[in-house]
Amino acid sequence: MRPMLKAAVVLTAAAALITGCGSGSDWSQPHAAPSAIGTLGPGFVDPSTPPAPEATVTPAPGSWDGVHPSKGYRVVLLTAGEDAPTKALVKAVEDWAGAEDVDLRTVKAGNDHVAGTVKALDLKPDLIVTAGNELVDPLALVTPSHLDQQFLVVGAELAEPTGNVTSVDWSGASFRGEGLGSASTYDPASFTADRCSAAVRAGVAAVLNNLTGIVVWIR
């Protein structure tokens, strides 16, 4: 192949790779800080008593429905595992991102979950949403060193989360790491489409309202 033609092929392949990893927007450029569009409904939390760090709050069902992310919200979905609950969570995040016109990119952690988490961090999103119990221990290791990055853990939680880690759980979920294992009530069948969708929306609503470092327990 002639040198000029070979170079053109390489450049074309690189451009396709970049386009394929996201929506086409350039995340290397700064953008406006994300904000909540709409307000939390009655019963999400008591506005006179903000939750303490690591607290568990039980918002009224649907009290998060009025909250949406501002345009251009940059989210990385970090996922590990091929089990049914993880797949259900992944679909819920993808459906939410499509409905809200979120700029979503996905990182599959592969066999090295710490390296996968670092790859997600390198993208510098507004929020990293995680799906998969296999990520809990790596997150516990990595998140305390990146306090400026917000994380949302759906369907699981960290035993000792820092202020940048928010979790959403329910009866049937709540894996907390290999040392603690699954709750006695763990039930893969509880990861229904409706439950996973509600978990994503409730968690994002909490993060957008600066209610972070807590566990949001949905019913």
N, C-alpha and C. Protein backbone atom coordinates (compact mmCIF):
# COMPACT_ATOMS: atom_id res chain seq x y z
N MET A 1 0.85 -1.20 0.00
CA MET A 1 0.00 0.00 0.00
C MET A 1 0.88 1.25 0.00
N ARG A 2 0.52 2.23 -0.82
CA ARG A 2 1.31 3.44 -0.88
C ARG A 2 1.24 4.19 0.44
N PRO A 3 2.33 4.89 0.85
CA PRO A 3 2.37 5.55 2.16
C PRO A 3 1.21 6.49 2.40
N MET A 4 0.85 7.34 1.40
CA MET A 4 -0.22 8.30 1.59
C MET A 4 -1.55 7.61 1.82
N LEU A 5 -1.82 6.54 1.05
CA LEU A 5 -3.07 5.81 1.19
C LEU A 5 -3.12 5.09 2.54
N LYS A 6 -1.97 4.51 2.95
CA LYS A 6 -1.92 3.81 4.23
C LYS A 6 -2.22 4.76 5.38
N ALA A 7 -1.66 5.97 5.32
CA ALA A 7 -1.89 6.96 6.37
C ALA A 7 -3.36 7.33 6.43
N ALA A 8 -3.99 7.47 5.27
CA ALA A 8 -5.40 7.84 5.23
C ALA A 8 -6.26 6.76 5.87
N VAL A 9 -5.92 5.48 5.61
CA VAL A 9 -6.67 4.38 6.20
C VAL A 9 -6.54 4.39 7.71
N VAL A 10 -5.33 4.61 8.22
CA VAL A 10 -5.10 4.64 9.67
C VAL A 10 -5.89 5.76 10.32
N LEU A 11 -5.87 6.96 9.71
CA LEU A 11 -6.60 8.09 10.26
C LEU A 11 -8.10 7.83 10.26
N THR A 12 -8.60 7.22 9.18
CA THR A 12 -10.03 6.93 9.11
C THR A 12 -10.43 5.95 10.20
N ALA A 13 -9.61 4.91 10.43
CA ALA A 13 -9.90 3.93 11.48
C ALA A 13 -9.90 4.59 12.85
N ALA A 14 -8.93 5.48 13.10
CA ALA A 14 -8.86 6.16 14.40
C ALA A 14 -10.08 7.03 14.62
N ALA A 15 -10.51 7.74 13.56
CA ALA A 15 -11.68 8.60 13.69
C ALA A 15 -12.92 7.79 14.00
N ALA A 16 -13.05 6.62 13.38
CA ALA A 16 -14.21 5.76 13.63
C ALA A 16 -14.21 5.27 15.07
N LEU A 17 -13.02 4.97 15.58
CA LEU A 17 -12.90 4.50 16.96
C LEU A 17 -13.35 5.59 17.92
N ILE A 18 -12.94 6.82 17.70
CA ILE A 18 -13.31 7.92 18.59
C ILE A 18 -14.81 8.16 18.52
N THR A 19 -15.37 8.18 17.33
CA THR A 19 -16.81 8.42 17.18
C THR A 19 -17.61 7.32 17.84
N GLY A 20 -17.11 6.10 17.73
CA GLY A 20 -17.87 4.97 18.25
C GLY A 20 -17.91 4.89 19.76
N CYS A 21 -17.04 5.61 20.48
CA CYS A 21 -16.99 5.47 21.94
C CYS A 21 -17.95 6.40 22.65
N GLY A 22 -18.66 7.24 21.91
CA GLY A 22 -19.60 8.13 22.58
C GLY A 22 -20.53 8.76 21.59
N SER A 23 -21.08 9.91 21.94
CA SER A 23 -22.05 10.56 21.09
C SER A 23 -21.41 11.43 20.02
N GLY A 24 -20.09 11.58 20.07
CA GLY A 24 -19.41 12.44 19.12
C GLY A 24 -18.98 13.76 19.73
N SER A 25 -19.49 14.11 20.93
CA SER A 25 -19.07 15.34 21.57
C SER A 25 -17.65 15.16 22.12
N ASP A 26 -16.96 16.28 22.26
CA ASP A 26 -15.56 16.25 22.69
C ASP A 26 -15.49 16.46 24.19
N TRP A 27 -15.28 15.39 24.93
CA TRP A 27 -15.25 15.50 26.39
C TRP A 27 -13.98 16.15 26.90
N SER A 28 -13.01 16.36 26.04
CA SER A 28 -11.80 17.03 26.49
C SER A 28 -12.03 18.52 26.69
N GLN A 29 -13.13 19.02 26.15
CA GLN A 29 -13.46 20.44 26.29
C GLN A 29 -14.34 20.66 27.52
N PRO A 30 -14.15 21.78 28.23
CA PRO A 30 -14.98 22.05 29.40
C PRO A 30 -16.43 22.30 29.00
N HIS A 31 -17.33 22.10 29.94
CA HIS A 31 -18.72 22.40 29.69
C HIS A 31 -19.35 22.87 30.99
N ALA A 32 -20.56 23.38 30.89
CA ALA A 32 -21.22 23.93 32.07
C ALA A 32 -21.43 22.83 33.11
N ALA A 33 -21.28 23.19 34.37
CA ALA A 33 -21.50 22.23 35.45
C ALA A 33 -22.94 21.74 35.40
N PRO A 34 -23.16 20.45 35.59
CA PRO A 34 -24.53 19.92 35.53
C PRO A 34 -25.38 20.44 36.68
N SER A 35 -26.67 20.49 36.45
CA SER A 35 -27.59 20.93 37.48
C SER A 35 -28.89 20.14 37.37
N ALA A 36 -29.69 20.24 38.40
CA ALA A 36 -30.99 19.56 38.41
C ALA A 36 -32.03 20.44 37.75
N ILE A 37 -32.75 19.87 36.80
CA ILE A 37 -33.90 20.54 36.22
C ILE A 37 -35.14 19.96 36.90
N GLY A 38 -35.91 20.80 37.57
CA GLY A 38 -37.02 20.32 38.37
C GLY A 38 -36.61 20.13 39.82
N THR A 39 -37.55 19.75 40.64
CA THR A 39 -37.29 19.64 42.08
C THR A 39 -37.75 18.30 42.62
N LEU A 40 -37.15 17.91 43.72
CA LEU A 40 -37.57 16.69 44.40
C LEU A 40 -38.96 16.87 44.97
N GLY A 41 -39.74 15.81 44.90
CA GLY A 41 -41.08 15.86 45.45
C GLY A 41 -41.09 15.66 46.95
N PRO A 42 -42.23 15.93 47.57
CA PRO A 42 -42.36 15.74 49.02
C PRO A 42 -42.03 14.30 49.40
N GLY A 43 -41.27 14.18 50.47
CA GLY A 43 -40.98 12.85 50.99
C GLY A 43 -39.69 12.24 50.52
N PHE A 44 -38.93 12.95 49.68
CA PHE A 44 -37.64 12.37 49.30
C PHE A 44 -36.71 12.40 50.51
N VAL A 45 -36.51 13.57 51.07
CA VAL A 45 -35.81 13.72 52.35
C VAL A 45 -36.49 14.87 53.09
N ASP A 46 -36.22 14.97 54.37
CA ASP A 46 -36.70 16.09 55.17
C ASP A 46 -35.78 17.28 54.90
N PRO A 47 -36.25 18.33 54.22
CA PRO A 47 -35.35 19.44 53.87
C PRO A 47 -34.77 20.16 55.08
N SER A 48 -35.40 20.02 56.24
CA SER A 48 -34.89 20.69 57.44
C SER A 48 -33.78 19.88 58.12
N THR A 49 -33.63 18.62 57.71
CA THR A 49 -32.62 17.75 58.33
C THR A 49 -31.90 16.97 57.24
N PRO A 50 -30.85 17.55 56.65
CA PRO A 50 -30.10 16.84 55.60
C PRO A 50 -29.53 15.54 56.15
N PRO A 51 -29.52 14.48 55.35
CA PRO A 51 -28.98 13.20 55.84
C PRO A 51 -27.50 13.28 56.16
N ALA A 52 -27.11 12.58 57.20
CA ALA A 52 -25.70 12.53 57.60
C ALA A 52 -24.93 11.65 56.63
N PRO A 53 -23.61 11.81 56.57
CA PRO A 53 -22.80 10.93 55.72
C PRO A 53 -23.05 9.46 56.05
N GLU A 54 -23.14 8.63 55.03
CA GLU A 54 -23.36 7.20 55.13
C GLU A 54 -24.76 6.83 55.64
N ALA A 55 -25.63 7.83 55.77
CA ALA A 55 -27.00 7.55 56.21
C ALA A 55 -27.78 6.83 55.13
N THR A 56 -28.84 6.17 55.54
CA THR A 56 -29.78 5.56 54.60
C THR A 56 -31.07 6.34 54.62
N VAL A 57 -31.53 6.76 53.45
CA VAL A 57 -32.80 7.49 53.35
C VAL A 57 -33.77 6.63 52.55
N THR A 58 -35.04 6.74 52.88
CA THR A 58 -36.08 5.97 52.19
C THR A 58 -37.09 6.95 51.62
N PRO A 59 -36.85 7.42 50.42
CA PRO A 59 -37.75 8.42 49.83
C PRO A 59 -39.10 7.85 49.47
N ALA A 60 -40.09 8.72 49.46
CA ALA A 60 -41.42 8.30 49.02
C ALA A 60 -41.35 7.88 47.55
N PRO A 61 -42.03 6.81 47.19
CA PRO A 61 -42.00 6.35 45.80
C PRO A 61 -42.40 7.46 44.82
N GLY A 62 -41.57 7.63 43.78
CA GLY A 62 -41.87 8.62 42.76
C GLY A 62 -41.48 10.04 43.12
N SER A 63 -40.95 10.25 44.33
CA SER A 63 -40.60 11.62 44.73
C SER A 63 -39.42 12.16 43.93
N TRP A 64 -38.79 11.32 43.13
CA TRP A 64 -37.65 11.71 42.30
C TRP A 64 -38.05 11.98 40.85
N ASP A 65 -39.30 11.72 40.50
CA ASP A 65 -39.71 11.75 39.10
C ASP A 65 -39.60 13.13 38.44
N GLY A 66 -39.67 14.18 39.24
CA GLY A 66 -39.64 15.54 38.67
C GLY A 66 -38.25 16.08 38.41
N VAL A 67 -37.21 15.30 38.70
CA VAL A 67 -35.83 15.77 38.56
C VAL A 67 -35.20 15.19 37.30
N HIS A 68 -34.59 16.06 36.51
CA HIS A 68 -33.93 15.67 35.27
C HIS A 68 -32.57 16.35 35.19
N PRO A 69 -31.61 15.75 34.51
CA PRO A 69 -30.29 16.39 34.37
C PRO A 69 -30.33 17.50 33.33
N SER A 70 -29.49 18.49 33.51
CA SER A 70 -29.37 19.56 32.53
C SER A 70 -28.73 19.02 31.25
N LYS A 71 -28.90 19.75 30.18
CA LYS A 71 -28.41 19.32 28.87
C LYS A 71 -26.89 19.13 28.90
N GLY A 72 -26.45 18.07 28.22
CA GLY A 72 -25.01 17.82 28.12
C GLY A 72 -24.43 17.04 29.28
N TYR A 73 -25.29 16.44 30.12
CA TYR A 73 -24.81 15.66 31.27
C TYR A 73 -23.94 14.51 30.77
N ARG A 74 -22.72 14.46 31.25
CA ARG A 74 -21.75 13.45 30.80
C ARG A 74 -21.69 12.31 31.81
N VAL A 75 -22.06 11.12 31.35
CA VAL A 75 -22.15 9.97 32.24
C VAL A 75 -21.39 8.80 31.63
N VAL A 76 -20.61 8.13 32.47
CA VAL A 76 -19.97 6.87 32.08
C VAL A 76 -20.68 5.74 32.81
N LEU A 77 -21.11 4.75 32.07
CA LEU A 77 -21.65 3.52 32.65
C LEU A 77 -20.50 2.53 32.75
N LEU A 78 -20.11 2.20 33.97
CA LEU A 78 -19.04 1.24 34.24
C LEU A 78 -19.69 -0.07 34.63
N THR A 79 -19.42 -1.13 33.87
CA THR A 79 -20.13 -2.38 34.11
C THR A 79 -19.18 -3.57 34.11
N ALA A 80 -19.55 -4.58 34.89
CA ALA A 80 -18.78 -5.83 34.94
C ALA A 80 -19.75 -6.96 35.24
N GLY A 81 -19.61 -8.06 34.51
CA GLY A 81 -20.47 -9.21 34.74
C GLY A 81 -21.53 -9.36 33.67
N GLU A 82 -21.95 -10.59 33.47
CA GLU A 82 -22.97 -10.91 32.46
C GLU A 82 -24.20 -11.56 33.10
N ASP A 83 -24.34 -11.45 34.41
CA ASP A 83 -25.49 -12.03 35.08
C ASP A 83 -26.74 -11.21 34.79
N ALA A 84 -27.90 -11.79 35.03
CA ALA A 84 -29.17 -11.14 34.71
C ALA A 84 -29.36 -9.81 35.44
N PRO A 85 -29.07 -9.70 36.75
CA PRO A 85 -29.23 -8.41 37.42
C PRO A 85 -28.38 -7.30 36.80
N THR A 86 -27.13 -7.63 36.47
CA THR A 86 -26.26 -6.62 35.85
C THR A 86 -26.81 -6.18 34.50
N LYS A 87 -27.27 -7.12 33.70
CA LYS A 87 -27.84 -6.78 32.40
C LYS A 87 -29.08 -5.91 32.56
N ALA A 88 -29.89 -6.18 33.56
CA ALA A 88 -31.08 -5.37 33.80
C ALA A 88 -30.70 -3.94 34.17
N LEU A 89 -29.67 -3.80 35.00
CA LEU A 89 -29.20 -2.46 35.39
C LEU A 89 -28.63 -1.71 34.19
N VAL A 90 -27.86 -2.39 33.37
CA VAL A 90 -27.27 -1.76 32.19
C VAL A 90 -28.38 -1.22 31.27
N LYS A 91 -29.39 -2.02 31.04
CA LYS A 91 -30.49 -1.58 30.18
C LYS A 91 -31.21 -0.39 30.78
N ALA A 92 -31.40 -0.40 32.11
CA ALA A 92 -32.07 0.72 32.76
C ALA A 92 -31.29 2.01 32.58
N VAL A 93 -29.97 1.94 32.72
CA VAL A 93 -29.14 3.14 32.53
C VAL A 93 -29.20 3.61 31.09
N GLU A 94 -29.13 2.68 30.16
CA GLU A 94 -29.17 3.05 28.75
C GLU A 94 -30.52 3.66 28.38
N ASP A 95 -31.61 3.09 28.89
CA ASP A 95 -32.94 3.63 28.60
C ASP A 95 -33.10 5.03 29.20
N TRP A 96 -32.63 5.19 30.44
CA TRP A 96 -32.69 6.52 31.08
C TRP A 96 -31.90 7.54 30.29
N ALA A 97 -30.70 7.18 29.88
CA ALA A 97 -29.85 8.11 29.14
C ALA A 97 -30.50 8.51 27.82
N GLY A 98 -31.13 7.54 27.14
CA GLY A 98 -31.81 7.86 25.90
C GLY A 98 -32.99 8.79 26.11
N ALA A 99 -33.76 8.54 27.17
CA ALA A 99 -34.94 9.36 27.45
C ALA A 99 -34.56 10.78 27.86
N GLU A 100 -33.43 10.92 28.55
CA GLU A 100 -33.02 12.23 29.07
C GLU A 100 -32.00 12.92 28.17
N ASP A 101 -31.66 12.32 27.05
CA ASP A 101 -30.67 12.87 26.11
C ASP A 101 -29.34 13.11 26.82
N VAL A 102 -28.94 12.13 27.62
CA VAL A 102 -27.67 12.18 28.34
C VAL A 102 -26.55 11.75 27.40
N ASP A 103 -25.38 12.36 27.56
CA ASP A 103 -24.20 11.97 26.77
C ASP A 103 -23.55 10.80 27.50
N LEU A 104 -23.89 9.58 27.06
CA LEU A 104 -23.48 8.36 27.77
C LEU A 104 -22.38 7.62 27.03
N ARG A 105 -21.38 7.20 27.80
CA ARG A 105 -20.34 6.31 27.28
C ARG A 105 -20.23 5.11 28.22
N THR A 106 -19.88 3.97 27.66
CA THR A 106 -19.84 2.74 28.45
C THR A 106 -18.43 2.19 28.51
N VAL A 107 -18.02 1.79 29.70
CA VAL A 107 -16.73 1.12 29.91
C VAL A 107 -17.02 -0.24 30.52
N LYS A 108 -16.62 -1.31 29.82
CA LYS A 108 -16.72 -2.65 30.36
C LYS A 108 -15.40 -2.98 31.06
N ALA A 109 -15.50 -3.28 32.34
CA ALA A 109 -14.28 -3.40 33.16
C ALA A 109 -13.41 -4.59 32.77
N GLY A 110 -13.97 -5.60 32.13
CA GLY A 110 -13.16 -6.75 31.75
C GLY A 110 -12.68 -7.52 32.97
N ASN A 111 -11.53 -8.18 32.85
CA ASN A 111 -11.02 -8.99 33.95
C ASN A 111 -10.34 -8.16 35.03
N ASP A 112 -9.80 -7.00 34.66
CA ASP A 112 -9.12 -6.12 35.62
C ASP A 112 -10.07 -4.99 35.99
N HIS A 113 -10.79 -5.17 37.08
CA HIS A 113 -11.84 -4.21 37.43
C HIS A 113 -11.28 -2.88 37.91
N VAL A 114 -10.11 -2.91 38.54
CA VAL A 114 -9.48 -1.65 38.95
C VAL A 114 -9.07 -0.85 37.72
N ALA A 115 -8.45 -1.51 36.75
CA ALA A 115 -8.05 -0.83 35.53
C ALA A 115 -9.26 -0.28 34.79
N GLY A 116 -10.37 -1.04 34.80
CA GLY A 116 -11.59 -0.56 34.16
C GLY A 116 -12.13 0.68 34.85
N THR A 117 -12.06 0.70 36.18
CA THR A 117 -12.51 1.86 36.93
C THR A 117 -11.64 3.07 36.62
N VAL A 118 -10.34 2.87 36.52
CA VAL A 118 -9.43 3.96 36.18
C VAL A 118 -9.71 4.48 34.77
N LYS A 119 -10.04 3.59 33.86
CA LYS A 119 -10.39 4.01 32.50
C LYS A 119 -11.61 4.91 32.50
N ALA A 120 -12.60 4.55 33.32
CA ALA A 120 -13.79 5.40 33.45
C ALA A 120 -13.43 6.76 34.04
N LEU A 121 -12.56 6.76 35.03
CA LEU A 121 -12.11 8.01 35.65
C LEU A 121 -11.40 8.90 34.64
N ASP A 122 -10.62 8.30 33.78
CA ASP A 122 -9.84 9.06 32.81
C ASP A 122 -10.71 9.86 31.85
N LEU A 123 -11.96 9.43 31.67
CA LEU A 123 -12.87 10.15 30.79
C LEU A 123 -13.40 11.44 31.43
N LYS A 124 -13.24 11.56 32.76
CA LYS A 124 -13.64 12.75 33.52
C LYS A 124 -15.11 13.14 33.28
N PRO A 125 -16.01 12.20 33.51
CA PRO A 125 -17.44 12.50 33.33
C PRO A 125 -17.99 13.28 34.51
N ASP A 126 -19.22 13.72 34.38
CA ASP A 126 -19.91 14.33 35.52
C ASP A 126 -20.28 13.27 36.54
N LEU A 127 -20.58 12.07 36.06
CA LEU A 127 -21.02 10.99 36.94
C LEU A 127 -20.60 9.64 36.36
N ILE A 128 -20.13 8.75 37.23
CA ILE A 128 -19.89 7.36 36.85
C ILE A 128 -20.96 6.51 37.53
N VAL A 129 -21.75 5.80 36.73
CA VAL A 129 -22.78 4.90 37.25
C VAL A 129 -22.25 3.48 37.10
N THR A 130 -22.32 2.71 38.16
CA THR A 130 -21.77 1.35 38.11
C THR A 130 -22.88 0.31 38.17
N ALA A 131 -22.68 -0.77 37.43
CA ALA A 131 -23.62 -1.89 37.41
C ALA A 131 -22.82 -3.17 37.50
N GLY A 132 -23.08 -3.95 38.54
CA GLY A 132 -22.38 -5.23 38.71
C GLY A 132 -21.74 -5.35 40.08
N ASN A 133 -22.07 -6.42 40.80
CA ASN A 133 -21.50 -6.64 42.13
C ASN A 133 -19.98 -6.77 42.11
N GLU A 134 -19.43 -7.23 40.99
CA GLU A 134 -17.99 -7.42 40.90
C GLU A 134 -17.20 -6.12 41.06
N LEU A 135 -17.87 -4.99 40.91
CA LEU A 135 -17.18 -3.70 40.98
C LEU A 135 -17.11 -3.12 42.39
N VAL A 136 -17.82 -3.70 43.34
CA VAL A 136 -17.91 -3.10 44.67
C VAL A 136 -16.56 -3.02 45.35
N ASP A 137 -15.80 -4.10 45.38
CA ASP A 137 -14.49 -4.07 46.04
C ASP A 137 -13.50 -3.15 45.33
N PRO A 138 -13.41 -3.18 44.00
CA PRO A 138 -12.53 -2.21 43.32
C PRO A 138 -12.93 -0.76 43.60
N LEU A 139 -14.23 -0.49 43.66
CA LEU A 139 -14.68 0.87 43.94
C LEU A 139 -14.27 1.30 45.35
N ALA A 140 -14.38 0.38 46.30
CA ALA A 140 -13.96 0.69 47.67
C ALA A 140 -12.48 1.06 47.72
N LEU A 141 -11.70 0.47 46.84
CA LEU A 141 -10.27 0.75 46.78
C LEU A 141 -9.97 2.08 46.09
N VAL A 142 -10.69 2.38 45.02
CA VAL A 142 -10.34 3.51 44.17
C VAL A 142 -11.03 4.82 44.57
N THR A 143 -12.29 4.77 44.95
CA THR A 143 -13.07 6.00 45.14
C THR A 143 -12.52 6.96 46.20
N PRO A 144 -11.94 6.48 47.30
CA PRO A 144 -11.45 7.46 48.29
C PRO A 144 -10.32 8.35 47.77
N SER A 145 -9.65 7.92 46.71
CA SER A 145 -8.55 8.71 46.15
C SER A 145 -9.01 9.66 45.05
N HIS A 146 -10.31 9.68 44.77
CA HIS A 146 -10.84 10.53 43.69
C HIS A 146 -12.12 11.21 44.18
N LEU A 147 -11.97 12.01 45.22
CA LEU A 147 -13.13 12.61 45.87
C LEU A 147 -13.83 13.66 45.01
N ASP A 148 -13.17 14.12 43.95
CA ASP A 148 -13.80 15.09 43.06
C ASP A 148 -14.67 14.44 41.99
N GLN A 149 -14.71 13.11 41.95
CA GLN A 149 -15.51 12.39 40.97
C GLN A 149 -16.72 11.75 41.65
N GLN A 150 -17.91 12.04 41.15
CA GLN A 150 -19.12 11.47 41.71
C GLN A 150 -19.39 10.08 41.12
N PHE A 151 -19.77 9.15 41.99
CA PHE A 151 -20.12 7.78 41.61
C PHE A 151 -21.54 7.48 42.08
N LEU A 152 -22.25 6.71 41.28
CA LEU A 152 -23.56 6.19 41.66
C LEU A 152 -23.52 4.68 41.50
N VAL A 153 -23.67 3.97 42.60
CA VAL A 153 -23.66 2.51 42.61
C VAL A 153 -25.11 2.05 42.69
N VAL A 154 -25.56 1.31 41.69
CA VAL A 154 -26.96 0.89 41.63
C VAL A 154 -27.08 -0.60 41.91
N GLY A 155 -27.95 -0.94 42.87
CA GLY A 155 -28.18 -2.35 43.19
C GLY A 155 -27.12 -2.96 44.08
N ALA A 156 -26.28 -2.16 44.68
CA ALA A 156 -25.23 -2.61 45.59
C ALA A 156 -24.78 -1.39 46.39
N GLU A 157 -23.88 -1.58 47.33
CA GLU A 157 -23.38 -0.44 48.10
C GLU A 157 -22.00 -0.74 48.66
N LEU A 158 -21.27 0.34 48.97
CA LEU A 158 -19.97 0.19 49.60
C LEU A 158 -20.16 0.18 51.11
N ALA A 159 -19.37 -0.63 51.80
CA ALA A 159 -19.52 -0.75 53.25
C ALA A 159 -19.23 0.57 53.94
N GLU A 160 -18.21 1.30 53.47
CA GLU A 160 -17.85 2.58 54.07
C GLU A 160 -17.64 3.60 52.95
N PRO A 161 -18.72 4.12 52.38
CA PRO A 161 -18.59 5.04 51.24
C PRO A 161 -18.05 6.39 51.65
N THR A 162 -17.28 6.99 50.77
CA THR A 162 -16.87 8.39 50.97
C THR A 162 -17.97 9.28 50.40
N GLY A 163 -17.81 10.58 50.58
CA GLY A 163 -18.87 11.52 50.22
C GLY A 163 -19.17 11.60 48.74
N ASN A 164 -18.33 11.01 47.92
CA ASN A 164 -18.54 11.04 46.46
C ASN A 164 -19.21 9.78 45.93
N VAL A 165 -19.64 8.89 46.83
CA VAL A 165 -20.25 7.63 46.41
C VAL A 165 -21.67 7.54 46.96
N THR A 166 -22.63 7.49 46.07
CA THR A 166 -24.04 7.35 46.44
C THR A 166 -24.52 6.00 45.93
N SER A 167 -25.31 5.33 46.73
CA SER A 167 -25.81 4.01 46.34
C SER A 167 -27.33 3.99 46.37
N VAL A 168 -27.90 3.12 45.55
CA VAL A 168 -29.34 2.87 45.58
C VAL A 168 -29.55 1.38 45.76
N ASP A 169 -30.34 1.04 46.75
CA ASP A 169 -30.58 -0.36 47.08
C ASP A 169 -32.05 -0.60 47.38
N TRP A 170 -32.41 -1.86 47.54
CA TRP A 170 -33.77 -2.25 47.88
C TRP A 170 -33.71 -3.66 48.47
N SER A 171 -34.81 -4.10 49.02
CA SER A 171 -34.87 -5.46 49.53
C SER A 171 -34.73 -6.42 48.37
N GLY A 172 -33.67 -7.22 48.40
CA GLY A 172 -33.34 -8.11 47.30
C GLY A 172 -32.02 -7.76 46.65
N ALA A 173 -31.47 -6.60 47.01
CA ALA A 173 -30.17 -6.18 46.49
C ALA A 173 -29.19 -6.02 47.65
N SER A 174 -28.40 -5.00 47.65
CA SER A 174 -27.52 -4.58 48.76
C SER A 174 -26.26 -5.41 48.96
N PHE A 175 -25.66 -5.93 47.91
CA PHE A 175 -24.33 -6.55 48.01
C PHE A 175 -23.34 -5.50 48.48
N ARG A 176 -22.45 -5.85 49.44
CA ARG A 176 -21.55 -4.87 50.03
C ARG A 176 -20.08 -5.28 49.94
N GLY A 177 -19.74 -6.24 49.12
CA GLY A 177 -18.34 -6.63 48.97
C GLY A 177 -18.11 -8.06 49.37
N GLU A 178 -16.96 -8.59 48.94
CA GLU A 178 -16.66 -10.00 49.17
C GLU A 178 -16.56 -10.35 50.65
N GLY A 179 -16.08 -9.39 51.45
CA GLY A 179 -15.96 -9.68 52.87
C GLY A 179 -17.29 -9.80 53.58
N LEU A 180 -18.31 -9.16 53.03
CA LEU A 180 -19.63 -9.16 53.65
C LEU A 180 -20.63 -9.98 52.85
N GLY A 181 -20.40 -10.07 51.54
CA GLY A 181 -21.26 -10.88 50.70
C GLY A 181 -22.63 -10.27 50.49
N SER A 182 -23.54 -11.06 49.96
CA SER A 182 -24.89 -10.61 49.69
C SER A 182 -25.71 -10.61 50.98
N ALA A 183 -26.69 -9.74 51.02
CA ALA A 183 -27.63 -9.76 52.14
C ALA A 183 -28.41 -11.08 52.11
N SER A 184 -28.92 -11.45 53.26
CA SER A 184 -29.65 -12.72 53.34
C SER A 184 -30.90 -12.70 52.47
N THR A 185 -31.36 -11.50 52.14
CA THR A 185 -32.57 -11.36 51.32
C THR A 185 -32.24 -11.17 49.84
N TYR A 186 -30.97 -11.36 49.44
CA TYR A 186 -30.60 -11.13 48.04
C TYR A 186 -31.46 -11.98 47.12
N ASP A 187 -32.01 -11.31 46.10
CA ASP A 187 -32.91 -12.00 45.18
C ASP A 187 -32.72 -11.44 43.77
N PRO A 188 -32.06 -12.18 42.89
CA PRO A 188 -31.86 -11.69 41.52
C PRO A 188 -33.16 -11.32 40.83
N ALA A 189 -34.25 -11.98 41.20
CA ALA A 189 -35.54 -11.68 40.56
C ALA A 189 -36.06 -10.29 40.93
N SER A 190 -35.50 -9.68 41.97
CA SER A 190 -35.95 -8.34 42.37
C SER A 190 -35.43 -7.26 41.42
N PHE A 191 -34.51 -7.61 40.53
CA PHE A 191 -33.96 -6.64 39.59
C PHE A 191 -34.87 -6.54 38.36
N THR A 192 -36.09 -6.12 38.60
CA THR A 192 -37.05 -5.97 37.51
C THR A 192 -36.76 -4.69 36.74
N ALA A 193 -37.34 -4.58 35.55
CA ALA A 193 -37.13 -3.38 34.74
C ALA A 193 -37.61 -2.15 35.48
N ASP A 194 -38.78 -2.23 36.10
CA ASP A 194 -39.33 -1.06 36.81
C ASP A 194 -38.47 -0.69 38.01
N ARG A 195 -38.02 -1.70 38.75
CA ARG A 195 -37.19 -1.43 39.94
C ARG A 195 -35.86 -0.81 39.54
N CYS A 196 -35.23 -1.34 38.52
CA CYS A 196 -33.94 -0.81 38.08
C CYS A 196 -34.08 0.61 37.54
N SER A 197 -35.16 0.86 36.79
CA SER A 197 -35.39 2.20 36.27
C SER A 197 -35.59 3.20 37.41
N ALA A 198 -36.39 2.82 38.39
CA ALA A 198 -36.61 3.71 39.54
C ALA A 198 -35.31 3.96 40.30
N ALA A 199 -34.48 2.93 40.42
CA ALA A 199 -33.21 3.07 41.14
C ALA A 199 -32.30 4.07 40.46
N VAL A 200 -32.20 3.98 39.13
CA VAL A 200 -31.34 4.91 38.40
C VAL A 200 -31.84 6.33 38.57
N ARG A 201 -33.13 6.55 38.40
CA ARG A 201 -33.68 7.90 38.48
C ARG A 201 -33.59 8.46 39.90
N ALA A 202 -33.84 7.63 40.90
CA ALA A 202 -33.74 8.10 42.28
C ALA A 202 -32.30 8.46 42.63
N GLY A 203 -31.36 7.63 42.19
CA GLY A 203 -29.96 7.91 42.49
C GLY A 203 -29.45 9.15 41.81
N VAL A 204 -29.78 9.33 40.54
CA VAL A 204 -29.35 10.53 39.82
C VAL A 204 -29.98 11.76 40.44
N ALA A 205 -31.25 11.68 40.83
CA ALA A 205 -31.90 12.82 41.47
C ALA A 205 -31.18 13.22 42.75
N ALA A 206 -30.75 12.22 43.53
CA ALA A 206 -30.00 12.51 44.75
C ALA A 206 -28.68 13.20 44.44
N VAL A 207 -27.95 12.67 43.48
CA VAL A 207 -26.65 13.26 43.13
C VAL A 207 -26.82 14.70 42.63
N LEU A 208 -27.79 14.92 41.76
CA LEU A 208 -28.00 16.26 41.20
C LEU A 208 -28.41 17.27 42.27
N ASN A 209 -28.95 16.77 43.37
CA ASN A 209 -29.34 17.66 44.48
C ASN A 209 -28.32 17.64 45.61
N ASN A 210 -27.11 17.16 45.30
CA ASN A 210 -26.00 17.16 46.26
C ASN A 210 -26.29 16.34 47.51
N LEU A 211 -27.14 15.34 47.39
CA LEU A 211 -27.39 14.40 48.48
C LEU A 211 -26.54 13.16 48.20
N THR A 212 -25.25 13.28 48.48
CA THR A 212 -24.29 12.26 48.10
C THR A 212 -23.65 11.63 49.34
N GLY A 213 -22.98 10.48 49.12
CA GLY A 213 -22.35 9.78 50.22
C GLY A 213 -23.37 9.04 51.09
N ILE A 214 -24.56 8.79 50.54
CA ILE A 214 -25.63 8.13 51.30
C ILE A 214 -26.13 6.91 50.53
N VAL A 215 -26.99 6.16 51.18
CA VAL A 215 -27.69 5.05 50.54
C VAL A 215 -29.15 5.45 50.38
N VAL A 216 -29.64 5.39 49.15
CA VAL A 216 -31.03 5.66 48.87
C VAL A 216 -31.75 4.31 48.79
N TRP A 217 -32.65 4.06 49.71
CA TRP A 217 -33.35 2.77 49.78
C TRP A 217 -34.74 2.95 49.17
N ILE A 218 -35.00 2.25 48.08
CA ILE A 218 -36.29 2.39 47.43
C ILE A 218 -37.16 1.18 47.75
N ARG A 219 -38.48 1.41 47.71
CA ARG A 219 -39.42 0.34 48.05
C ARG A 219 -40.14 -0.17 46.82
